[in-house]
Amino acid sequence: MLTIVLIDDDPISTFVTEKLISKNVKQPCQFFKYQSAKTALNEIYQIRPNYLFLDLNMPEMTGWDFLDNFDSQKNEAEIYILSSSVDERDINKASKYQVVKDYLSKPLIKKYIKSIFN
């Protein structure tokens, strides 16, 4: 079973992402959804997800803060930034993080899902 963590303060975005993945990935998936990056960071090492989708703009702790505090030695999740920002500076900054596999714009689309999960 694939374990997927969704970190986004927008529950509608999380709902859409979960439904799209569930519908287009053949393997069974277990989802862990967080509206707080801080809470997710505290629990992520016990969950040990295969995939993690991370929003950037969130209150309390941003996606950038999450990445700065995430210990990739303790978790081998493939991390994808899923953001509504199309700012080149964000895209360039994301590429500087070795743990980030790709920067995707919201909403997640079938084409992205096929490239991630195949």
N, C-alpha and C. Protein backbone atom coordinates (compact mmCIF):
# COMPACT_ATOMS: atom_id res chain seq x y z
N MET A 1 0.83 -1.19 0.00
CA MET A 1 0.00 0.00 0.00
C MET A 1 0.88 1.25 0.00
N LEU A 2 0.50 2.22 -0.84
CA LEU A 2 1.23 3.48 -0.89
C LEU A 2 0.74 4.39 0.24
N THR A 3 1.67 5.03 0.89
CA THR A 3 1.34 5.98 1.94
C THR A 3 1.65 7.37 1.41
N ILE A 4 0.63 8.23 1.46
CA ILE A 4 0.75 9.57 0.87
C ILE A 4 0.36 10.62 1.91
N VAL A 5 1.22 11.61 2.07
CA VAL A 5 0.93 12.71 2.98
C VAL A 5 0.63 13.96 2.15
N LEU A 6 -0.48 14.61 2.48
CA LEU A 6 -0.88 15.87 1.84
C LEU A 6 -0.83 16.97 2.90
N ILE A 7 -0.02 17.98 2.65
CA ILE A 7 0.10 19.10 3.60
C ILE A 7 -0.34 20.36 2.89
N ASP A 8 -1.49 20.86 3.29
CA ASP A 8 -2.08 22.03 2.65
C ASP A 8 -3.14 22.60 3.59
N ASP A 9 -3.14 23.90 3.78
CA ASP A 9 -4.12 24.51 4.67
C ASP A 9 -5.48 24.70 4.01
N ASP A 10 -5.59 24.35 2.72
CA ASP A 10 -6.86 24.46 2.00
C ASP A 10 -7.49 23.07 1.88
N PRO A 11 -8.54 22.79 2.67
CA PRO A 11 -9.14 21.45 2.65
C PRO A 11 -9.74 21.07 1.28
N ILE A 12 -10.18 22.03 0.50
CA ILE A 12 -10.74 21.73 -0.82
C ILE A 12 -9.64 21.24 -1.75
N SER A 13 -8.51 21.91 -1.72
CA SER A 13 -7.36 21.49 -2.52
C SER A 13 -6.92 20.08 -2.14
N THR A 14 -6.87 19.81 -0.85
CA THR A 14 -6.49 18.48 -0.35
C THR A 14 -7.48 17.42 -0.83
N PHE A 15 -8.76 17.75 -0.74
CA PHE A 15 -9.82 16.83 -1.18
C PHE A 15 -9.67 16.49 -2.66
N VAL A 16 -9.47 17.52 -3.49
CA VAL A 16 -9.32 17.33 -4.93
C VAL A 16 -8.08 16.48 -5.23
N THR A 17 -6.97 16.77 -4.57
CA THR A 17 -5.73 16.02 -4.79
C THR A 17 -5.93 14.54 -4.41
N GLU A 18 -6.53 14.30 -3.25
CA GLU A 18 -6.76 12.92 -2.80
C GLU A 18 -7.64 12.16 -3.79
N LYS A 19 -8.73 12.77 -4.23
CA LYS A 19 -9.66 12.10 -5.16
C LYS A 19 -8.96 11.79 -6.49
N LEU A 20 -8.20 12.74 -6.99
CA LEU A 20 -7.52 12.55 -8.27
C LEU A 20 -6.48 11.43 -8.20
N ILE A 21 -5.74 11.38 -7.11
CA ILE A 21 -4.75 10.32 -6.94
C ILE A 21 -5.46 8.97 -6.80
N SER A 22 -6.47 8.91 -5.94
CA SER A 22 -7.21 7.66 -5.72
C SER A 22 -7.78 7.10 -7.01
N LYS A 23 -8.28 7.98 -7.84
CA LYS A 23 -8.94 7.58 -9.08
C LYS A 23 -7.94 7.12 -10.16
N ASN A 24 -6.72 7.64 -10.12
CA ASN A 24 -5.77 7.40 -11.20
C ASN A 24 -4.56 6.54 -10.84
N VAL A 25 -4.47 6.10 -9.60
CA VAL A 25 -3.36 5.23 -9.19
C VAL A 25 -3.94 3.85 -8.93
N LYS A 26 -3.34 2.85 -9.56
CA LYS A 26 -3.88 1.49 -9.46
C LYS A 26 -3.67 0.85 -8.10
N GLN A 27 -2.59 1.20 -7.43
CA GLN A 27 -2.30 0.62 -6.11
C GLN A 27 -3.21 1.24 -5.04
N PRO A 28 -3.52 0.47 -3.98
CA PRO A 28 -4.27 1.07 -2.88
C PRO A 28 -3.42 2.14 -2.18
N CYS A 29 -4.06 3.21 -1.76
CA CYS A 29 -3.36 4.33 -1.12
C CYS A 29 -3.96 4.64 0.24
N GLN A 30 -3.08 4.99 1.16
CA GLN A 30 -3.51 5.47 2.46
C GLN A 30 -3.06 6.93 2.55
N PHE A 31 -4.00 7.81 2.87
CA PHE A 31 -3.71 9.25 2.92
C PHE A 31 -3.66 9.76 4.35
N PHE A 32 -2.70 10.64 4.59
CA PHE A 32 -2.62 11.39 5.83
C PHE A 32 -2.68 12.85 5.42
N LYS A 33 -3.69 13.58 5.94
CA LYS A 33 -3.89 14.97 5.51
C LYS A 33 -3.63 15.92 6.68
N TYR A 34 -2.89 16.95 6.39
CA TYR A 34 -2.55 17.94 7.41
C TYR A 34 -2.82 19.34 6.91
N GLN A 35 -3.46 20.14 7.75
CA GLN A 35 -3.63 21.56 7.43
C GLN A 35 -2.50 22.37 8.05
N SER A 36 -1.71 21.72 8.90
CA SER A 36 -0.59 22.38 9.56
C SER A 36 0.72 21.64 9.24
N ALA A 37 1.66 22.37 8.66
CA ALA A 37 2.96 21.78 8.34
C ALA A 37 3.70 21.42 9.63
N LYS A 38 3.47 22.19 10.68
CA LYS A 38 4.13 21.95 11.96
C LYS A 38 3.70 20.60 12.55
N THR A 39 2.40 20.33 12.52
CA THR A 39 1.88 19.06 13.01
C THR A 39 2.40 17.91 12.15
N ALA A 40 2.39 18.11 10.84
CA ALA A 40 2.88 17.08 9.92
C ALA A 40 4.34 16.74 10.21
N LEU A 41 5.14 17.76 10.44
CA LEU A 41 6.57 17.55 10.70
C LEU A 41 6.77 16.71 11.96
N ASN A 42 5.91 16.91 12.96
CA ASN A 42 6.01 16.14 14.21
C ASN A 42 5.64 14.67 14.02
N GLU A 43 4.81 14.36 13.03
CA GLU A 43 4.31 12.99 12.86
C GLU A 43 4.89 12.26 11.65
N ILE A 44 5.58 12.97 10.80
CA ILE A 44 6.01 12.43 9.50
C ILE A 44 6.94 11.22 9.63
N TYR A 45 7.79 11.20 10.65
CA TYR A 45 8.77 10.12 10.77
C TYR A 45 8.14 8.81 11.24
N GLN A 46 6.99 8.89 11.91
CA GLN A 46 6.26 7.67 12.29
C GLN A 46 5.46 7.13 11.10
N ILE A 47 4.98 8.03 10.26
CA ILE A 47 4.15 7.63 9.11
C ILE A 47 5.00 6.99 8.01
N ARG A 48 6.17 7.54 7.79
CA ARG A 48 7.10 7.07 6.74
C ARG A 48 6.41 6.97 5.37
N PRO A 49 5.95 8.10 4.85
CA PRO A 49 5.22 8.07 3.57
C PRO A 49 6.12 7.78 2.37
N ASN A 50 5.49 7.26 1.31
CA ASN A 50 6.19 7.07 0.04
C ASN A 50 6.24 8.40 -0.71
N TYR A 51 5.15 9.15 -0.58
CA TYR A 51 5.01 10.43 -1.31
C TYR A 51 4.49 11.50 -0.35
N LEU A 52 4.95 12.73 -0.60
CA LEU A 52 4.50 13.85 0.20
C LEU A 52 4.25 15.03 -0.74
N PHE A 53 3.06 15.59 -0.65
CA PHE A 53 2.70 16.76 -1.45
C PHE A 53 2.57 17.94 -0.50
N LEU A 54 3.30 19.00 -0.81
CA LEU A 54 3.47 20.11 0.13
C LEU A 54 3.09 21.44 -0.50
N ASP A 55 2.18 22.15 0.17
CA ASP A 55 1.85 23.51 -0.23
C ASP A 55 2.91 24.44 0.37
N LEU A 56 3.11 25.60 -0.23
CA LEU A 56 4.13 26.52 0.28
C LEU A 56 3.56 27.57 1.23
N ASN A 57 2.45 28.16 0.84
CA ASN A 57 1.92 29.28 1.61
C ASN A 57 0.88 28.82 2.62
N MET A 58 1.35 28.70 3.86
CA MET A 58 0.48 28.28 4.96
C MET A 58 0.82 29.11 6.19
N PRO A 59 -0.16 29.29 7.07
CA PRO A 59 0.11 30.04 8.30
C PRO A 59 0.96 29.21 9.27
N GLU A 60 1.52 29.84 10.25
CA GLU A 60 2.32 29.23 11.31
C GLU A 60 3.65 28.68 10.79
N MET A 61 3.62 27.70 9.89
CA MET A 61 4.84 27.16 9.30
C MET A 61 4.61 27.01 7.80
N THR A 62 5.46 27.65 7.00
CA THR A 62 5.31 27.57 5.54
C THR A 62 5.90 26.26 5.02
N GLY A 63 5.67 25.97 3.77
CA GLY A 63 6.29 24.81 3.14
C GLY A 63 7.80 24.91 3.15
N TRP A 64 8.31 26.14 3.00
CA TRP A 64 9.78 26.35 3.04
C TRP A 64 10.31 25.99 4.43
N ASP A 65 9.60 26.44 5.47
CA ASP A 65 10.02 26.12 6.85
C ASP A 65 10.02 24.61 7.06
N PHE A 66 8.99 23.96 6.52
CA PHE A 66 8.89 22.50 6.63
C PHE A 66 10.14 21.85 6.01
N LEU A 67 10.47 22.28 4.79
CA LEU A 67 11.63 21.71 4.08
C LEU A 67 12.93 21.97 4.84
N ASP A 68 13.04 23.16 5.45
CA ASP A 68 14.25 23.51 6.20
C ASP A 68 14.42 22.63 7.44
N ASN A 69 13.30 22.15 7.99
CA ASN A 69 13.33 21.34 9.21
C ASN A 69 13.21 19.84 8.96
N PHE A 70 12.90 19.46 7.74
CA PHE A 70 12.69 18.05 7.39
C PHE A 70 14.03 17.32 7.33
N ASP A 71 14.11 16.17 7.99
CA ASP A 71 15.35 15.38 7.98
C ASP A 71 15.20 14.22 6.99
N SER A 72 15.81 14.37 5.82
CA SER A 72 15.67 13.36 4.77
C SER A 72 16.40 12.06 5.13
N GLN A 73 17.26 12.10 6.14
CA GLN A 73 17.93 10.88 6.59
C GLN A 73 16.95 9.94 7.30
N LYS A 74 15.91 10.53 7.89
CA LYS A 74 14.93 9.75 8.65
C LYS A 74 13.73 9.34 7.79
N ASN A 75 13.65 9.87 6.57
CA ASN A 75 12.48 9.59 5.75
C ASN A 75 12.85 9.71 4.28
N GLU A 76 12.45 8.72 3.49
CA GLU A 76 12.82 8.71 2.08
C GLU A 76 11.65 9.07 1.17
N ALA A 77 10.70 9.82 1.67
CA ALA A 77 9.53 10.19 0.87
C ALA A 77 9.95 11.00 -0.35
N GLU A 78 9.23 10.77 -1.45
CA GLU A 78 9.40 11.64 -2.62
C GLU A 78 8.55 12.88 -2.35
N ILE A 79 9.18 14.03 -2.32
CA ILE A 79 8.47 15.26 -1.99
C ILE A 79 8.20 16.07 -3.25
N TYR A 80 6.94 16.46 -3.39
CA TYR A 80 6.51 17.31 -4.50
C TYR A 80 5.88 18.56 -3.92
N ILE A 81 6.32 19.70 -4.39
CA ILE A 81 5.66 20.95 -4.00
C ILE A 81 4.45 21.10 -4.91
N LEU A 82 3.32 21.35 -4.29
CA LEU A 82 2.07 21.54 -5.02
C LEU A 82 1.56 22.92 -4.61
N SER A 83 1.78 23.90 -5.48
CA SER A 83 1.51 25.29 -5.10
C SER A 83 0.73 26.03 -6.18
N SER A 84 -0.01 27.02 -5.74
CA SER A 84 -0.71 27.87 -6.71
C SER A 84 0.20 29.00 -7.20
N SER A 85 1.38 29.11 -6.60
CA SER A 85 2.34 30.13 -7.01
C SER A 85 3.06 29.69 -8.29
N VAL A 86 3.10 30.58 -9.27
CA VAL A 86 3.87 30.31 -10.49
C VAL A 86 5.07 31.27 -10.58
N ASP A 87 5.43 31.83 -9.43
CA ASP A 87 6.55 32.75 -9.32
C ASP A 87 7.86 32.01 -9.60
N GLU A 88 8.62 32.49 -10.56
CA GLU A 88 9.91 31.87 -10.92
C GLU A 88 10.84 31.74 -9.72
N ARG A 89 10.79 32.71 -8.81
CA ARG A 89 11.66 32.66 -7.64
C ARG A 89 11.35 31.44 -6.78
N ASP A 90 10.04 31.12 -6.63
CA ASP A 90 9.65 29.93 -5.87
C ASP A 90 10.13 28.66 -6.57
N ILE A 91 9.95 28.61 -7.87
CA ILE A 91 10.35 27.43 -8.65
C ILE A 91 11.86 27.23 -8.56
N ASN A 92 12.62 28.30 -8.68
CA ASN A 92 14.08 28.23 -8.57
C ASN A 92 14.53 27.83 -7.16
N LYS A 93 13.86 28.40 -6.15
CA LYS A 93 14.19 28.08 -4.76
C LYS A 93 13.93 26.59 -4.50
N ALA A 94 12.82 26.08 -5.01
CA ALA A 94 12.47 24.67 -4.81
C ALA A 94 13.53 23.75 -5.40
N SER A 95 14.10 24.13 -6.54
CA SER A 95 15.10 23.29 -7.20
C SER A 95 16.39 23.19 -6.39
N LYS A 96 16.57 24.09 -5.43
CA LYS A 96 17.77 24.06 -4.59
C LYS A 96 17.67 23.02 -3.47
N TYR A 97 16.46 22.52 -3.22
CA TYR A 97 16.27 21.50 -2.19
C TYR A 97 16.42 20.12 -2.84
N GLN A 98 17.40 19.36 -2.40
CA GLN A 98 17.64 18.03 -2.98
C GLN A 98 16.46 17.09 -2.77
N VAL A 99 15.74 17.25 -1.67
CA VAL A 99 14.62 16.33 -1.37
C VAL A 99 13.39 16.58 -2.24
N VAL A 100 13.33 17.75 -2.89
CA VAL A 100 12.16 18.08 -3.71
C VAL A 100 12.32 17.47 -5.11
N LYS A 101 11.40 16.57 -5.46
CA LYS A 101 11.46 15.90 -6.77
C LYS A 101 10.98 16.82 -7.89
N ASP A 102 9.94 17.62 -7.60
CA ASP A 102 9.39 18.48 -8.65
C ASP A 102 8.50 19.56 -8.03
N TYR A 103 8.30 20.60 -8.80
CA TYR A 103 7.43 21.72 -8.42
C TYR A 103 6.22 21.66 -9.35
N LEU A 104 5.06 21.41 -8.79
CA LEU A 104 3.84 21.27 -9.59
C LEU A 104 2.86 22.38 -9.24
N SER A 105 2.14 22.84 -10.25
CA SER A 105 1.15 23.88 -9.96
C SER A 105 -0.21 23.25 -9.69
N LYS A 106 -0.95 23.89 -8.78
CA LYS A 106 -2.31 23.43 -8.45
C LYS A 106 -3.24 23.81 -9.59
N PRO A 107 -4.29 23.07 -9.81
CA PRO A 107 -4.56 21.77 -9.18
C PRO A 107 -3.74 20.69 -9.84
N LEU A 108 -3.54 19.60 -9.11
CA LEU A 108 -2.83 18.44 -9.65
C LEU A 108 -3.63 17.91 -10.84
N ILE A 109 -2.94 17.54 -11.90
CA ILE A 109 -3.63 17.01 -13.09
C ILE A 109 -3.17 15.59 -13.38
N LYS A 110 -3.97 14.89 -14.17
CA LYS A 110 -3.70 13.48 -14.50
C LYS A 110 -2.29 13.25 -15.03
N LYS A 111 -1.84 14.14 -15.89
CA LYS A 111 -0.51 14.01 -16.50
C LYS A 111 0.58 13.94 -15.41
N TYR A 112 0.48 14.81 -14.40
CA TYR A 112 1.44 14.79 -13.29
C TYR A 112 1.37 13.46 -12.55
N ILE A 113 0.15 13.00 -12.28
CA ILE A 113 -0.04 11.77 -11.52
C ILE A 113 0.60 10.59 -12.25
N LYS A 114 0.40 10.52 -13.55
CA LYS A 114 0.98 9.44 -14.32
C LYS A 114 2.51 9.47 -14.26
N SER A 115 3.11 10.64 -14.32
CA SER A 115 4.58 10.73 -14.28
C SER A 115 5.12 10.44 -12.87
N ILE A 116 4.38 10.77 -11.84
CA ILE A 116 4.83 10.53 -10.47
C ILE A 116 4.72 9.05 -10.08
N PHE A 117 3.59 8.45 -10.40
CA PHE A 117 3.29 7.11 -9.88
C PHE A 117 3.61 5.97 -10.85
N ASN A 118 4.13 6.28 -12.03
CA ASN A 118 4.47 5.19 -12.97
C ASN A 118 5.97 5.01 -13.10
